Amino acid sequence: MTTTTVVHLLRHGEVHNPKRVLYGRLPEYHLSENGIRMAELAADWFSGRDVATLFSSPLDRTYETAQPLEKEFGLSVRLDERLIEAGNRFQGMILTSRSLTNLKVLRRMYNPFRPSWGEPYTEIVDRMVDVIKDVRKEAWGREAVCVSHQLPIWMARRTAERKRLWHRPDRRQCNLASVTSLTFEDHKLVSVGYSEPAAELYPSGPTPPGA
C-alpha cells in the first residue's frame, strides 16, 4: 500500500499597485479588491478537499490570500520564510522599456542564468524543496496548501519536472491565484498539476498550456 500526499503551491492574488513598482519583499503591498475575490475563488476550488495544513509566505499579499482558506478549513495560517518572494536588486524600482538604458539596471543584467540581478535560482530551489518536504511530512496521506509567489513556485515546478532553471519570465505558467499541485506516492513525486481557479478574473482569460 502506498500513501498519497498532495502539496499545493498557491500563488497570491492580484496586488494593489497603481504605480507598478517592483515590490518584491517590500511590506504594505496588499491585495486589491480583485485580488481578494481571487483568493475567495481559490478557497472555493479547495472546498471539499482533505486539506490538513496551511502555510504561507510572511508577506502581506500571501497571508491575505491564505485567509479565506483559513476560514474554509478552520486552520491557522503558519508563516514560513522559505516561501517568501525571490530576492531582487531592482526591488522598489519602476521598470519600463527605458530601463534598459539605465546603467544601474544594465550592470546587474550580465548573467541571466544565475540570475545576476537577484537571488540565485539554485537557492530558491533549495528553500522550496526544503519546505515542501517538511509540509509533505506533516500532511502525510492528506493535502497541504503553501501560499507563495510566482518565481519560487515556478522554480519548484521546473525542478519537479526536471527542467533547466533558467527560463523566459514571460513564459511562466503561474498566473495569479493559480495552483501548482505536486502529488506524491510515499516519497516519490508522481505528477505535477496546474489549475487556475480565478481565471474568470484575468483580463486575457486562462493561461494557455505550456505558456
C-alpha atoms as a PDB file:
ATOM      1  CA  MET A   1       0.000   0.000   0.000  1.00  0.00           C
ATOM      2  CA  THR A   2       1.258   3.451  -0.902  1.00  0.00           C
ATOM      3  CA  THR A   3       0.335   6.703   0.785  1.00  0.00           C
ATOM      4  CA  THR A   4      -0.723   9.613  -1.437  1.00  0.00           C
ATOM      5  CA  THR A   5       0.060  13.153  -0.283  1.00  0.00           C
ATOM      6  CA  VAL A   6      -0.579  16.340  -2.280  1.00  0.00           C
ATOM      7  CA  VAL A   7       1.245  19.625  -1.715  1.00  0.00           C
ATOM      8  CA  HIS A   8      -0.478  22.536  -3.466  1.00  0.00           C
ATOM      9  CA  LEU A   9       1.513  25.703  -4.205  1.00  0.00           C
ATOM     10  CA  LEU A  10      -0.931  28.608  -4.401  1.00  0.00           C
ATOM     11  CA  ARG A  11       0.207  31.915  -5.845  1.00  0.00           C
ATOM     12  CA  HIS A  12      -1.190  35.063  -4.212  1.00  0.00           C
ATOM     13  CA  GLY A  13      -3.947  37.131  -5.825  1.00  0.00           C
ATOM     14  CA  GLU A  14      -3.700  40.488  -7.576  1.00  0.00           C
ATOM     15  CA  VAL A  15      -1.930  43.245  -5.638  1.00  0.00           C
ATOM     16  CA  HIS A  16      -2.983  46.899  -5.408  1.00  0.00           C
ATOM     17  CA  ASN A  17      -0.027  48.543  -7.132  1.00  0.00           C
ATOM     18  CA  PRO A  18      -1.151  51.530  -9.252  1.00  0.00           C
ATOM     19  CA  LYS A  19       2.410  52.853  -9.620  1.00  0.00           C
ATOM     20  CA  ARG A  20       3.608  49.460 -10.942  1.00  0.00           C
ATOM     21  CA  VAL A  21       6.507  49.278  -8.513  1.00  0.00           C
ATOM     22  CA  LEU A  22       8.588  46.098  -8.470  1.00  0.00           C
ATOM     23  CA  TYR A  23       7.627  45.497  -4.846  1.00  0.00           C
ATOM     24  CA  GLY A  24       9.482  42.243  -4.212  1.00  0.00           C
ATOM     25  CA  ARG A  25       9.719  41.750  -0.455  1.00  0.00           C
ATOM     26  CA  LEU A  26       8.602  45.270   0.478  1.00  0.00           C
ATOM     27  CA  PRO A  27       5.894  45.444   3.177  1.00  0.00           C
ATOM     28  CA  GLU A  28       2.462  47.027   2.873  1.00  0.00           C
ATOM     29  CA  TYR A  29       1.593  45.710  -0.573  1.00  0.00           C
ATOM     30  CA  HIS A  30      -1.900  44.307  -0.101  1.00  0.00           C
ATOM     31  CA  LEU A  31      -4.403  42.508  -2.295  1.00  0.00           C
ATOM     32  CA  SER A  32      -6.620  44.649  -4.492  1.00  0.00           C
ATOM     33  CA  GLU A  33     -10.391  44.142  -4.428  1.00  0.00           C
ATOM     34  CA  ASN A  34      -9.949  41.863  -7.426  1.00  0.00           C
ATOM     35  CA  GLY A  35      -7.172  40.027  -5.598  1.00  0.00           C
ATOM     36  CA  ILE A  36      -9.427  39.405  -2.593  1.00  0.00           C
ATOM     37  CA  ARG A  37     -12.003  37.875  -4.917  1.00  0.00           C
ATOM     38  CA  MET A  38      -9.272  35.718  -6.479  1.00  0.00           C
ATOM     39  CA  ALA A  39      -8.351  34.417  -3.032  1.00  0.00           C
ATOM     40  CA  GLU A  40     -12.000  33.578  -2.369  1.00  0.00           C
ATOM     41  CA  LEU A  41     -12.268  31.693  -5.667  1.00  0.00           C
ATOM     42  CA  ALA A  42      -9.129  29.743  -4.773  1.00  0.00           C
ATOM     43  CA  ALA A  43     -10.674  28.793  -1.418  1.00  0.00           C
ATOM     44  CA  ASP A  44     -13.814  27.656  -3.258  1.00  0.00           C
ATOM     45  CA  TRP A  45     -11.647  25.483  -5.520  1.00  0.00           C
ATOM     46  CA  PHE A  46     -10.149  23.745  -2.486  1.00  0.00           C
ATOM     47  CA  SER A  47     -13.532  23.271  -0.778  1.00  0.00           C
ATOM     48  CA  GLY A  48     -14.216  19.598  -0.078  1.00  0.00           C
ATOM     49  CA  ARG A  49     -10.557  18.597  -0.284  1.00  0.00           C
ATOM     50  CA  ASP A  50      -8.765  16.957   2.606  1.00  0.00           C
ATOM     51  CA  VAL A  51      -6.511  19.895   3.470  1.00  0.00           C
ATOM     52  CA  ALA A  52      -4.627  19.193   6.689  1.00  0.00           C
ATOM     53  CA  THR A  53      -2.250  22.138   6.948  1.00  0.00           C
ATOM     54  CA  LEU A  54      -1.860  25.669   5.598  1.00  0.00           C
ATOM     55  CA  PHE A  55       1.413  27.547   5.186  1.00  0.00           C
ATOM     56  CA  SER A  56       2.159  30.988   3.777  1.00  0.00           C
ATOM     57  CA  SER A  57       4.988  33.319   2.920  1.00  0.00           C
ATOM     58  CA  PRO A  58       5.084  36.068   5.579  1.00  0.00           C
ATOM     59  CA  LEU A  59       4.384  38.901   3.099  1.00  0.00           C
ATOM     60  CA  ASP A  60       1.046  40.729   3.252  1.00  0.00           C
ATOM     61  CA  ARG A  61      -0.276  39.604  -0.123  1.00  0.00           C
ATOM     62  CA  THR A  62       0.293  35.903   0.549  1.00  0.00           C
ATOM     63  CA  TYR A  63      -1.097  35.967   4.076  1.00  0.00           C
ATOM     64  CA  GLU A  64      -4.217  37.755   2.805  1.00  0.00           C
ATOM     65  CA  THR A  65      -4.595  35.110   0.065  1.00  0.00           C
ATOM     66  CA  ALA A  66      -4.421  32.385   2.716  1.00  0.00           C
ATOM     67  CA  GLN A  67      -7.135  33.897   4.925  1.00  0.00           C
ATOM     68  CA  PRO A  68     -10.183  32.551   3.003  1.00  0.00           C
ATOM     69  CA  LEU A  69      -8.600  29.094   3.199  1.00  0.00           C
ATOM     70  CA  GLU A  70      -8.071  29.584   6.916  1.00  0.00           C
ATOM     71  CA  LYS A  71     -11.814  30.172   7.282  1.00  0.00           C
ATOM     72  CA  GLU A  72     -12.766  27.366   4.897  1.00  0.00           C
ATOM     73  CA  PHE A  73     -10.840  24.669   6.752  1.00  0.00           C
ATOM     74  CA  GLY A  74     -10.616  26.073  10.284  1.00  0.00           C
ATOM     75  CA  LEU A  75      -6.825  26.026  10.086  1.00  0.00           C
ATOM     76  CA  SER A  76      -4.321  28.556  11.367  1.00  0.00           C
ATOM     77  CA  VAL A  77      -2.027  30.048   8.730  1.00  0.00           C
ATOM     78  CA  ARG A  78       1.579  29.215   9.549  1.00  0.00           C
ATOM     79  CA  LEU A  79       4.103  31.714   8.201  1.00  0.00           C
ATOM     80  CA  ASP A  80       7.309  30.300   6.754  1.00  0.00           C
ATOM     81  CA  GLU A  81      10.204  32.426   5.455  1.00  0.00           C
ATOM     82  CA  ARG A  82      11.184  29.697   2.993  1.00  0.00           C
ATOM     83  CA  LEU A  83       8.085  30.524   0.915  1.00  0.00           C
ATOM     84  CA  ILE A  84       8.985  34.211   0.554  1.00  0.00           C
ATOM     85  CA  GLU A  85       9.361  36.079  -2.734  1.00  0.00           C
ATOM     86  CA  ALA A  86      12.709  35.817  -4.519  1.00  0.00           C
ATOM     87  CA  GLY A  87      15.248  38.486  -3.605  1.00  0.00           C
ATOM     88  CA  ASN A  88      15.637  41.103  -6.346  1.00  0.00           C
ATOM     89  CA  ARG A  89      18.089  44.007  -6.567  1.00  0.00           C
ATOM     90  CA  PHE A  90      15.551  46.010  -8.597  1.00  0.00           C
ATOM     91  CA  GLN A  91      13.096  45.964  -5.687  1.00  0.00           C
ATOM     92  CA  GLY A  92      11.396  49.338  -5.221  1.00  0.00           C
ATOM     93  CA  MET A  93      12.057  50.447  -8.786  1.00  0.00           C
ATOM     94  CA  ILE A  94       9.598  51.102 -11.599  1.00  0.00           C
ATOM     95  CA  LEU A  95      10.965  49.228 -14.610  1.00  0.00           C
ATOM     96  CA  THR A  96       9.965  50.164 -18.151  1.00  0.00           C
ATOM     97  CA  SER A  97      11.438  49.647 -21.616  1.00  0.00           C
ATOM     98  CA  ARG A  98      13.549  52.761 -20.977  1.00  0.00           C
ATOM     99  CA  SER A  99      15.168  50.993 -18.003  1.00  0.00           C
ATOM    100  CA  LEU A 100      17.386  49.106 -20.455  1.00  0.00           C
ATOM    101  CA  THR A 101      19.347  52.331 -20.946  1.00  0.00           C
ATOM    102  CA  ASN A 102      19.816  52.802 -17.201  1.00  0.00           C
ATOM    103  CA  LEU A 103      23.374  51.841 -16.200  1.00  0.00           C
ATOM    104  CA  LYS A 104      22.194  50.913 -12.697  1.00  0.00           C
ATOM    105  CA  VAL A 105      19.942  48.296 -14.300  1.00  0.00           C
ATOM    106  CA  LEU A 106      22.306  47.161 -17.060  1.00  0.00           C
ATOM    107  CA  ARG A 107      25.206  46.411 -14.738  1.00  0.00           C
ATOM    108  CA  ARG A 108      23.015  43.868 -12.917  1.00  0.00           C
ATOM    109  CA  MET A 109      21.916  42.018 -16.062  1.00  0.00           C
ATOM    110  CA  TYR A 110      25.183  40.402 -17.114  1.00  0.00           C
ATOM    111  CA  ASN A 111      24.162  36.826 -16.235  1.00  0.00           C
ATOM    112  CA  PRO A 112      20.552  35.721 -16.859  1.00  0.00           C
ATOM    113  CA  PHE A 113      21.388  32.119 -15.952  1.00  0.00           C
ATOM    114  CA  ARG A 114      22.058  32.781 -12.245  1.00  0.00           C
ATOM    115  CA  PRO A 115      20.381  35.418 -12.348  1.00  0.00           C
ATOM    116  CA  SER A 116      22.786  38.258 -11.596  1.00  0.00           C
ATOM    117  CA  TRP A 117      20.030  40.698 -10.537  1.00  0.00           C
ATOM    118  CA  GLY A 118      18.592  38.626  -7.733  1.00  0.00           C
ATOM    119  CA  GLU A 119      18.526  35.538  -5.552  1.00  0.00           C
ATOM    120  CA  PRO A 120      20.172  32.617  -7.390  1.00  0.00           C
ATOM    121  CA  TYR A 121      17.717  30.099  -8.833  1.00  0.00           C
ATOM    122  CA  THR A 122      19.527  27.280  -7.035  1.00  0.00           C
ATOM    123  CA  GLU A 123      18.996  28.954  -3.659  1.00  0.00           C
ATOM    124  CA  ILE A 124      15.289  29.409  -4.368  1.00  0.00           C
ATOM    125  CA  VAL A 125      15.046  25.724  -5.263  1.00  0.00           C
ATOM    126  CA  ASP A 126      16.852  24.656  -2.095  1.00  0.00           C
ATOM    127  CA  ARG A 127      14.476  26.501   0.225  1.00  0.00           C
ATOM    128  CA  MET A 128      11.348  25.481  -1.705  1.00  0.00           C
ATOM    129  CA  VAL A 129      12.333  21.803  -1.789  1.00  0.00           C
ATOM    130  CA  ASP A 130      13.113  22.007   1.918  1.00  0.00           C
ATOM    131  CA  VAL A 131       9.721  23.447   2.864  1.00  0.00           C
ATOM    132  CA  ILE A 132       7.837  21.070   0.545  1.00  0.00           C
ATOM    133  CA  LYS A 133       9.482  18.077   2.207  1.00  0.00           C
ATOM    134  CA  ASP A 134       8.537  19.352   5.663  1.00  0.00           C
ATOM    135  CA  VAL A 135       4.961  20.138   4.632  1.00  0.00           C
ATOM    136  CA  ARG A 136       4.556  16.758   2.933  1.00  0.00           C
ATOM    137  CA  LYS A 137       5.697  15.026   6.108  1.00  0.00           C
ATOM    138  CA  GLU A 138       3.215  16.977   8.209  1.00  0.00           C
ATOM    139  CA  ALA A 139       0.286  16.396   5.825  1.00  0.00           C
ATOM    140  CA  TRP A 140       1.199  12.745   5.190  1.00  0.00           C
ATOM    141  CA  GLY A 141      -1.671  10.947   3.493  1.00  0.00           C
ATOM    142  CA  ARG A 142      -3.696  14.163   3.082  1.00  0.00           C
ATOM    143  CA  GLU A 143      -3.282  17.539   1.331  1.00  0.00           C
ATOM    144  CA  ALA A 144      -1.465  20.769   2.174  1.00  0.00           C
ATOM    145  CA  VAL A 145      -1.515  24.313   0.794  1.00  0.00           C
ATOM    146  CA  CYS A 146       1.510  26.619   0.660  1.00  0.00           C
ATOM    147  CA  VAL A 147       0.826  30.200  -0.444  1.00  0.00           C
ATOM    148  CA  SER A 148       3.848  31.665  -2.178  1.00  0.00           C
ATOM    149  CA  HIS A 149       4.970  33.758  -5.146  1.00  0.00           C
ATOM    150  CA  GLN A 150       5.390  33.255  -8.872  1.00  0.00           C
ATOM    151  CA  LEU A 151       9.135  32.676  -9.171  1.00  0.00           C
ATOM    152  CA  PRO A 152       9.549  30.358  -6.149  1.00  0.00           C
ATOM    153  CA  ILE A 153       6.581  28.270  -7.338  1.00  0.00           C
ATOM    154  CA  TRP A 154       7.909  28.195 -10.901  1.00  0.00           C
ATOM    155  CA  MET A 155      11.337  27.082  -9.675  1.00  0.00           C
ATOM    156  CA  ALA A 156       9.739  24.280  -7.656  1.00  0.00           C
ATOM    157  CA  ARG A 157       7.762  23.175 -10.699  1.00  0.00           C
ATOM    158  CA  ARG A 158      10.724  23.223 -13.076  1.00  0.00           C
ATOM    159  CA  THR A 159      12.725  21.205 -10.575  1.00  0.00           C
ATOM    160  CA  ALA A 160       9.880  18.703 -10.191  1.00  0.00           C
ATOM    161  CA  GLU A 161       9.672  18.363 -13.989  1.00  0.00           C
ATOM    162  CA  ARG A 162      13.470  18.056 -14.261  1.00  0.00           C
ATOM    163  CA  LYS A 163      13.800  21.125 -16.468  1.00  0.00           C
ATOM    164  CA  ARG A 164      16.616  23.662 -16.524  1.00  0.00           C
ATOM    165  CA  LEU A 165      16.150  26.541 -14.107  1.00  0.00           C
ATOM    166  CA  TRP A 166      16.899  29.493 -16.378  1.00  0.00           C
ATOM    167  CA  HIS A 167      13.921  30.480 -18.496  1.00  0.00           C
ATOM    168  CA  ARG A 168      12.000  33.344 -20.085  1.00  0.00           C
ATOM    169  CA  PRO A 169       9.981  35.076 -17.328  1.00  0.00           C
ATOM    170  CA  ASP A 170       7.172  35.887 -19.778  1.00  0.00           C
ATOM    171  CA  ARG A 171       6.595  32.160 -20.334  1.00  0.00           C
ATOM    172  CA  ARG A 172       5.958  31.137 -16.742  1.00  0.00           C
ATOM    173  CA  GLN A 173       2.709  29.235 -16.301  1.00  0.00           C
ATOM    174  CA  CYS A 174       1.928  30.551 -12.833  1.00  0.00           C
ATOM    175  CA  ASN A 175      -0.882  33.081 -13.026  1.00  0.00           C
ATOM    176  CA  LEU A 176      -2.446  34.983 -10.132  1.00  0.00           C
ATOM    177  CA  ALA A 177      -4.147  32.708  -7.565  1.00  0.00           C
ATOM    178  CA  SER A 178      -3.135  29.670  -9.623  1.00  0.00           C
ATOM    179  CA  VAL A 179      -2.492  26.274  -8.051  1.00  0.00           C
ATOM    180  CA  THR A 180       0.509  24.084  -8.862  1.00  0.00           C
ATOM    181  CA  SER A 181      -0.112  20.656  -7.339  1.00  0.00           C
ATOM    182  CA  LEU A 182       2.625  18.141  -6.502  1.00  0.00           C
ATOM    183  CA  THR A 183       1.307  14.622  -5.915  1.00  0.00           C
ATOM    184  CA  PHE A 184       3.477  12.121  -4.078  1.00  0.00           C
ATOM    185  CA  GLU A 185       3.120   8.390  -3.571  1.00  0.00           C
ATOM    186  CA  ASP A 186       5.052   7.853  -0.370  1.00  0.00           C
ATOM    187  CA  HIS A 187       8.192   9.934  -1.001  1.00  0.00           C
ATOM    188  CA  LYS A 188       8.070   9.723  -4.801  1.00  0.00           C
ATOM    189  CA  LEU A 189       6.711  12.589  -6.891  1.00  0.00           C
ATOM    190  CA  VAL A 190       4.295  11.063  -9.412  1.00  0.00           C
ATOM    191  CA  SER A 191       2.593  14.067 -11.034  1.00  0.00           C
ATOM    192  CA  VAL A 192       2.535  17.837 -11.370  1.00  0.00           C
ATOM    193  CA  GLY A 193      -0.792  19.565 -11.977  1.00  0.00           C
ATOM    194  CA  TYR A 194      -1.806  23.143 -12.690  1.00  0.00           C
ATOM    195  CA  SER A 195      -5.153  24.918 -12.237  1.00  0.00           C
ATOM    196  CA  GLU A 196      -6.435  28.493 -12.418  1.00  0.00           C
ATOM    197  CA  PRO A 197      -9.395  28.885 -10.023  1.00  0.00           C
ATOM    198  CA  ALA A 198      -9.556  32.652 -10.670  1.00  0.00           C
ATOM    199  CA  ALA A 199      -9.238  32.521 -14.477  1.00  0.00           C
ATOM    200  CA  GLU A 200     -12.581  34.313 -14.912  1.00  0.00           C
ATOM    201  CA  LEU A 201     -10.977  37.407 -13.377  1.00  0.00           C
ATOM    202  CA  TYR A 202      -7.967  37.517 -15.697  1.00  0.00           C
ATOM    203  CA  PRO A 203      -8.172  40.305 -18.319  1.00  0.00           C
ATOM    204  CA  SER A 204      -6.934  37.976 -21.070  1.00  0.00           C
ATOM    205  CA  GLY A 205      -8.521  34.717 -19.882  1.00  0.00           C
ATOM    206  CA  PRO A 206      -6.806  31.481 -18.781  1.00  0.00           C
ATOM    207  CA  THR A 207      -3.134  30.833 -19.436  1.00  0.00           C
ATOM    208  CA  PRO A 208      -2.696  28.554 -22.485  1.00  0.00           C
ATOM    209  CA  PRO A 209      -0.988  25.189 -21.817  1.00  0.00           C
ATOM    210  CA  GLY A 210       2.779  25.450 -21.979  1.00  0.00           C
ATOM    211  CA  ALA A 211       2.791  29.229 -21.621  1.00  0.00           C
END
